[in-house]
Amino acid sequence: MLSLLLLATSCQKNSYNRFSSPHKVFFSCETSISPYNQLSTPGRFLSVRKSEGKLTITDSDGEKFEETLPESKNRSFIMGLGGLILGTPTFNNDDMSIWAYDLGCPHCDTHNVRLKFDLQGKATCSKCGGEWNLNADGSPLNNDGVQRRPLYRYPTTFNNGILTVSN
């Protein structure tokens, strides 16, 4: 009987809780100002990274913006594994909410391996070759025989024009 139970559980696909990141995050921004105003456009994504008291924001076109952080935000912003990818996916998003993924590759799982993404919403890791769909819940795209987890995703709230990402 025990062997049947083990066999049944070993054949199940890995299922991941979409908000199951082991990495802490806290970030907020006002979505009415540039470049964050791009977040209301379906299929548009931004990456946000913090270093040395500054935020570096990169849009889907590769254009970079820098924002100097006041000391209070520099201390309070926690950027997960490798930073954040923020955007409004075009699929499975009936309320057109802004989603947040980790910019770090979930397969390599190290802070210095970050994903690149394109205008079609495909995120790619240059180290492991993994690809994920930002427009479809961060699910893996390539079927290269390697089991990959979906992107780490973080809960978001939106109140009075302020987007907050926090777990």
C-alpha atoms as a PDB file:
ATOM      1  CA  MET A   1       0.000   0.000   0.000  1.00  0.00           C
ATOM      2  CA  LEU A   2       2.807   2.420   0.891  1.00  0.00           C
ATOM      3  CA  SER A   3       4.528   1.733  -2.438  1.00  0.00           C
ATOM      4  CA  LEU A   4       1.332   2.701  -4.330  1.00  0.00           C
ATOM      5  CA  LEU A   5       1.146   5.970  -2.394  1.00  0.00           C
ATOM      6  CA  LEU A   6       4.797   6.759  -3.145  1.00  0.00           C
ATOM      7  CA  LEU A   7       4.300   5.927  -6.832  1.00  0.00           C
ATOM      8  CA  ALA A   8       1.213   8.152  -7.058  1.00  0.00           C
ATOM      9  CA  THR A   9       2.949  11.136  -5.449  1.00  0.00           C
ATOM     10  CA  SER A  10       6.165  10.722  -7.452  1.00  0.00           C
ATOM     11  CA  CYS A  11       4.286  11.036 -10.758  1.00  0.00           C
ATOM     12  CA  GLN A  12       2.649  14.358  -9.911  1.00  0.00           C
ATOM     13  CA  LYS A  13       3.885  17.479 -11.672  1.00  0.00           C
ATOM     14  CA  ASN A  14       5.641  19.998  -9.463  1.00  0.00           C
ATOM     15  CA  SER A  15       3.120  22.591  -8.427  1.00  0.00           C
ATOM     16  CA  TYR A  16       4.247  25.922  -7.104  1.00  0.00           C
ATOM     17  CA  ASN A  17       2.369  28.497  -5.115  1.00  0.00           C
ATOM     18  CA  ARG A  18       2.656  31.585  -7.299  1.00  0.00           C
ATOM     19  CA  PHE A  19       3.598  33.743  -4.298  1.00  0.00           C
ATOM     20  CA  SER A  20       6.042  31.255  -2.739  1.00  0.00           C
ATOM     21  CA  SER A  21       9.272  33.236  -3.017  1.00  0.00           C
ATOM     22  CA  PRO A  22      11.732  32.742  -0.159  1.00  0.00           C
ATOM     23  CA  HIS A  23      13.008  36.294  -0.822  1.00  0.00           C
ATOM     24  CA  LYS A  24      11.714  39.361   1.000  1.00  0.00           C
ATOM     25  CA  VAL A  25      10.471  42.365  -0.920  1.00  0.00           C
ATOM     26  CA  PHE A  26       9.121  45.823  -0.147  1.00  0.00           C
ATOM     27  CA  PHE A  27       8.801  48.516  -2.812  1.00  0.00           C
ATOM     28  CA  SER A  28       6.365  51.298  -3.660  1.00  0.00           C
ATOM     29  CA  CYS A  29       6.013  53.818  -6.470  1.00  0.00           C
ATOM     30  CA  GLU A  30       3.581  56.401  -7.785  1.00  0.00           C
ATOM     31  CA  THR A  31       2.199  55.117 -11.093  1.00  0.00           C
ATOM     32  CA  SER A  32       1.196  58.519 -12.444  1.00  0.00           C
ATOM     33  CA  ILE A  33       4.810  59.654 -12.937  1.00  0.00           C
ATOM     34  CA  SER A  34       7.308  58.551 -15.578  1.00  0.00           C
ATOM     35  CA  PRO A  35       8.551  55.873 -16.107  1.00  0.00           C
ATOM     36  CA  TYR A  36       6.060  54.094 -13.829  1.00  0.00           C
ATOM     37  CA  ASN A  37       3.139  55.427 -15.892  1.00  0.00           C
ATOM     38  CA  GLN A  38       4.043  52.747 -18.481  1.00  0.00           C
ATOM     39  CA  LEU A  39       2.763  50.093 -16.073  1.00  0.00           C
ATOM     40  CA  SER A  40      -0.875  50.723 -16.985  1.00  0.00           C
ATOM     41  CA  THR A  41      -0.287  49.559 -20.581  1.00  0.00           C
ATOM     42  CA  PRO A  42      -1.053  45.831 -21.046  1.00  0.00           C
ATOM     43  CA  GLY A  43       2.040  43.873 -22.040  1.00  0.00           C
ATOM     44  CA  ARG A  44       4.441  46.598 -20.884  1.00  0.00           C
ATOM     45  CA  PHE A  45       7.059  45.796 -18.231  1.00  0.00           C
ATOM     46  CA  LEU A  46       9.762  47.620 -16.270  1.00  0.00           C
ATOM     47  CA  SER A  47      12.687  46.268 -14.290  1.00  0.00           C
ATOM     48  CA  VAL A  48      13.637  47.998 -11.042  1.00  0.00           C
ATOM     49  CA  ARG A  49      16.983  47.501  -9.292  1.00  0.00           C
ATOM     50  CA  LYS A  50      18.472  49.225  -6.262  1.00  0.00           C
ATOM     51  CA  SER A  51      22.155  49.960  -5.736  1.00  0.00           C
ATOM     52  CA  GLU A  52      24.148  52.627  -3.928  1.00  0.00           C
ATOM     53  CA  GLY A  53      21.146  54.770  -3.001  1.00  0.00           C
ATOM     54  CA  LYS A  54      19.662  54.776  -6.501  1.00  0.00           C
ATOM     55  CA  LEU A  55      16.972  52.942  -8.394  1.00  0.00           C
ATOM     56  CA  THR A  56      17.699  51.925 -11.964  1.00  0.00           C
ATOM     57  CA  ILE A  57      14.497  51.439 -13.928  1.00  0.00           C
ATOM     58  CA  THR A  58      14.683  49.857 -17.398  1.00  0.00           C
ATOM     59  CA  ASP A  59      11.700  49.615 -19.743  1.00  0.00           C
ATOM     60  CA  SER A  60      10.905  46.967 -22.360  1.00  0.00           C
ATOM     61  CA  ASP A  61      12.706  49.053 -25.021  1.00  0.00           C
ATOM     62  CA  GLY A  62      15.919  49.042 -22.969  1.00  0.00           C
ATOM     63  CA  GLU A  63      15.678  52.729 -22.012  1.00  0.00           C
ATOM     64  CA  LYS A  64      17.141  53.359 -18.540  1.00  0.00           C
ATOM     65  CA  PHE A  65      16.000  55.833 -15.923  1.00  0.00           C
ATOM     66  CA  GLU A  66      17.748  56.581 -12.631  1.00  0.00           C
ATOM     67  CA  GLU A  67      16.116  57.831  -9.472  1.00  0.00           C
ATOM     68  CA  THR A  68      18.028  58.918  -6.377  1.00  0.00           C
ATOM     69  CA  LEU A  69      16.408  57.525  -3.248  1.00  0.00           C
ATOM     70  CA  PRO A  70      15.894  59.508  -0.063  1.00  0.00           C
ATOM     71  CA  GLU A  71      17.601  57.772   2.873  1.00  0.00           C
ATOM     72  CA  SER A  72      14.278  56.504   4.288  1.00  0.00           C
ATOM     73  CA  LYS A  73      13.375  54.693   1.048  1.00  0.00           C
ATOM     74  CA  ASN A  74      16.941  53.457   0.559  1.00  0.00           C
ATOM     75  CA  ARG A  75      16.732  51.719   3.945  1.00  0.00           C
ATOM     76  CA  SER A  76      13.168  50.429   3.548  1.00  0.00           C
ATOM     77  CA  PHE A  77      13.150  49.151  -0.061  1.00  0.00           C
ATOM     78  CA  ILE A  78      13.932  45.426  -0.206  1.00  0.00           C
ATOM     79  CA  MET A  79      14.235  44.138  -3.764  1.00  0.00           C
ATOM     80  CA  GLY A  80      13.908  40.353  -3.535  1.00  0.00           C
ATOM     81  CA  LEU A  81      16.559  38.157  -5.143  1.00  0.00           C
ATOM     82  CA  GLY A  82      17.685  40.322  -8.064  1.00  0.00           C
ATOM     83  CA  GLY A  83      15.305  43.277  -8.311  1.00  0.00           C
ATOM     84  CA  LEU A  84      11.759  43.473  -9.658  1.00  0.00           C
ATOM     85  CA  ILE A  85       9.923  43.160 -12.951  1.00  0.00           C
ATOM     86  CA  LEU A  86       6.687  45.160 -12.830  1.00  0.00           C
ATOM     87  CA  GLY A  87       3.989  45.179 -15.481  1.00  0.00           C
ATOM     88  CA  THR A  88       0.444  44.540 -16.629  1.00  0.00           C
ATOM     89  CA  PRO A  89       0.227  41.098 -18.280  1.00  0.00           C
ATOM     90  CA  THR A  90      -2.091  40.629 -21.228  1.00  0.00           C
ATOM     91  CA  PHE A  91      -3.365  37.137 -20.268  1.00  0.00           C
ATOM     92  CA  ASN A  92      -5.202  35.848 -17.175  1.00  0.00           C
ATOM     93  CA  ASN A  93      -5.486  39.385 -15.848  1.00  0.00           C
ATOM     94  CA  ASP A  94      -9.142  40.371 -16.118  1.00  0.00           C
ATOM     95  CA  ASP A  95      -8.852  43.271 -13.672  1.00  0.00           C
ATOM     96  CA  MET A  96      -5.755  44.651 -15.485  1.00  0.00           C
ATOM     97  CA  SER A  97      -3.756  44.684 -12.258  1.00  0.00           C
ATOM     98  CA  ILE A  98      -0.018  45.307 -12.107  1.00  0.00           C
ATOM     99  CA  TRP A  99       2.005  42.203 -11.308  1.00  0.00           C
ATOM    100  CA  ALA A 100       5.473  41.909  -9.770  1.00  0.00           C
ATOM    101  CA  TYR A 101       8.021  39.212 -10.523  1.00  0.00           C
ATOM    102  CA  ASP A 102      11.568  38.812  -9.260  1.00  0.00           C
ATOM    103  CA  LEU A 103      14.226  39.965 -11.715  1.00  0.00           C
ATOM    104  CA  GLY A 104      16.496  37.151 -10.502  1.00  0.00           C
ATOM    105  CA  CYS A 105      16.439  33.845 -12.383  1.00  0.00           C
ATOM    106  CA  PRO A 106      14.488  31.305 -10.293  1.00  0.00           C
ATOM    107  CA  HIS A 107      16.487  28.403 -11.769  1.00  0.00           C
ATOM    108  CA  CYS A 108      19.956  29.852 -11.061  1.00  0.00           C
ATOM    109  CA  ASP A 109      18.610  31.360  -7.792  1.00  0.00           C
ATOM    110  CA  THR A 110      21.438  33.800  -7.189  1.00  0.00           C
ATOM    111  CA  HIS A 111      21.282  37.590  -6.813  1.00  0.00           C
ATOM    112  CA  ASN A 112      23.743  38.320  -9.609  1.00  0.00           C
ATOM    113  CA  VAL A 113      21.954  36.391 -12.392  1.00  0.00           C
ATOM    114  CA  ARG A 114      19.200  38.640 -13.680  1.00  0.00           C
ATOM    115  CA  LEU A 115      16.661  38.131 -16.417  1.00  0.00           C
ATOM    116  CA  LYS A 116      16.400  40.214 -19.571  1.00  0.00           C
ATOM    117  CA  PHE A 117      12.981  40.735 -21.151  1.00  0.00           C
ATOM    118  CA  ASP A 118      11.675  41.932 -24.482  1.00  0.00           C
ATOM    119  CA  LEU A 119       8.646  43.746 -25.874  1.00  0.00           C
ATOM    120  CA  GLN A 120       6.762  40.462 -26.302  1.00  0.00           C
ATOM    121  CA  GLY A 121       7.019  39.753 -22.560  1.00  0.00           C
ATOM    122  CA  LYS A 122       9.576  36.951 -22.814  1.00  0.00           C
ATOM    123  CA  ALA A 123      12.121  36.905 -19.963  1.00  0.00           C
ATOM    124  CA  THR A 124      15.403  35.095 -20.628  1.00  0.00           C
ATOM    125  CA  CYS A 125      18.345  34.022 -18.473  1.00  0.00           C
ATOM    126  CA  SER A 126      21.687  34.276 -20.257  1.00  0.00           C
ATOM    127  CA  LYS A 127      23.313  31.822 -17.828  1.00  0.00           C
ATOM    128  CA  CYS A 128      20.947  28.796 -17.845  1.00  0.00           C
ATOM    129  CA  GLY A 129      19.037  29.570 -21.062  1.00  0.00           C
ATOM    130  CA  GLY A 130      15.648  29.488 -19.341  1.00  0.00           C
ATOM    131  CA  GLU A 131      12.761  31.471 -20.795  1.00  0.00           C
ATOM    132  CA  TRP A 132       9.564  32.608 -19.067  1.00  0.00           C
ATOM    133  CA  ASN A 133       6.350  34.278 -20.210  1.00  0.00           C
ATOM    134  CA  LEU A 134       5.663  37.497 -18.291  1.00  0.00           C
ATOM    135  CA  ASN A 135       2.216  37.687 -19.920  1.00  0.00           C
ATOM    136  CA  ALA A 136       1.155  34.249 -18.672  1.00  0.00           C
ATOM    137  CA  ASP A 137       1.867  34.143 -14.932  1.00  0.00           C
ATOM    138  CA  GLY A 138       5.647  33.815 -15.359  1.00  0.00           C
ATOM    139  CA  SER A 139       5.405  30.253 -16.629  1.00  0.00           C
ATOM    140  CA  PRO A 140       8.440  28.585 -18.251  1.00  0.00           C
ATOM    141  CA  LEU A 141       8.483  28.683 -22.055  1.00  0.00           C
ATOM    142  CA  ASN A 142      11.228  26.390 -23.287  1.00  0.00           C
ATOM    143  CA  ASN A 143      10.868  22.654 -23.134  1.00  0.00           C
ATOM    144  CA  ASP A 144      14.545  21.712 -23.128  1.00  0.00           C
ATOM    145  CA  GLY A 145      14.178  18.765 -20.760  1.00  0.00           C
ATOM    146  CA  VAL A 146      15.012  20.869 -17.704  1.00  0.00           C
ATOM    147  CA  GLN A 147      12.302  21.222 -15.056  1.00  0.00           C
ATOM    148  CA  ARG A 148      11.968  24.939 -14.344  1.00  0.00           C
ATOM    149  CA  ARG A 149       9.764  26.629 -11.788  1.00  0.00           C
ATOM    150  CA  PRO A 150       7.680  29.681 -12.696  1.00  0.00           C
ATOM    151  CA  LEU A 151       9.113  33.084 -11.896  1.00  0.00           C
ATOM    152  CA  TYR A 152       8.958  34.199  -8.289  1.00  0.00           C
ATOM    153  CA  ARG A 153       5.905  36.445  -8.036  1.00  0.00           C
ATOM    154  CA  TYR A 154       5.117  38.966  -5.314  1.00  0.00           C
ATOM    155  CA  PRO A 155       1.763  40.300  -4.053  1.00  0.00           C
ATOM    156  CA  THR A 156       0.871  43.843  -5.123  1.00  0.00           C
ATOM    157  CA  THR A 157      -1.644  46.384  -3.838  1.00  0.00           C
ATOM    158  CA  PHE A 158      -2.798  49.538  -5.542  1.00  0.00           C
ATOM    159  CA  ASN A 159      -4.233  52.428  -3.525  1.00  0.00           C
ATOM    160  CA  ASN A 160      -4.665  56.083  -4.572  1.00  0.00           C
ATOM    161  CA  GLY A 161      -2.146  55.760  -7.408  1.00  0.00           C
ATOM    162  CA  ILE A 162       0.511  54.082  -5.258  1.00  0.00           C
ATOM    163  CA  LEU A 163       1.663  50.590  -6.207  1.00  0.00           C
ATOM    164  CA  THR A 164       3.096  48.591  -3.304  1.00  0.00           C
ATOM    165  CA  VAL A 165       4.918  45.278  -3.671  1.00  0.00           C
ATOM    166  CA  SER A 166       5.312  43.466  -0.368  1.00  0.00           C
ATOM    167  CA  ASN A 167       5.416  39.990   1.134  1.00  0.00           C
END
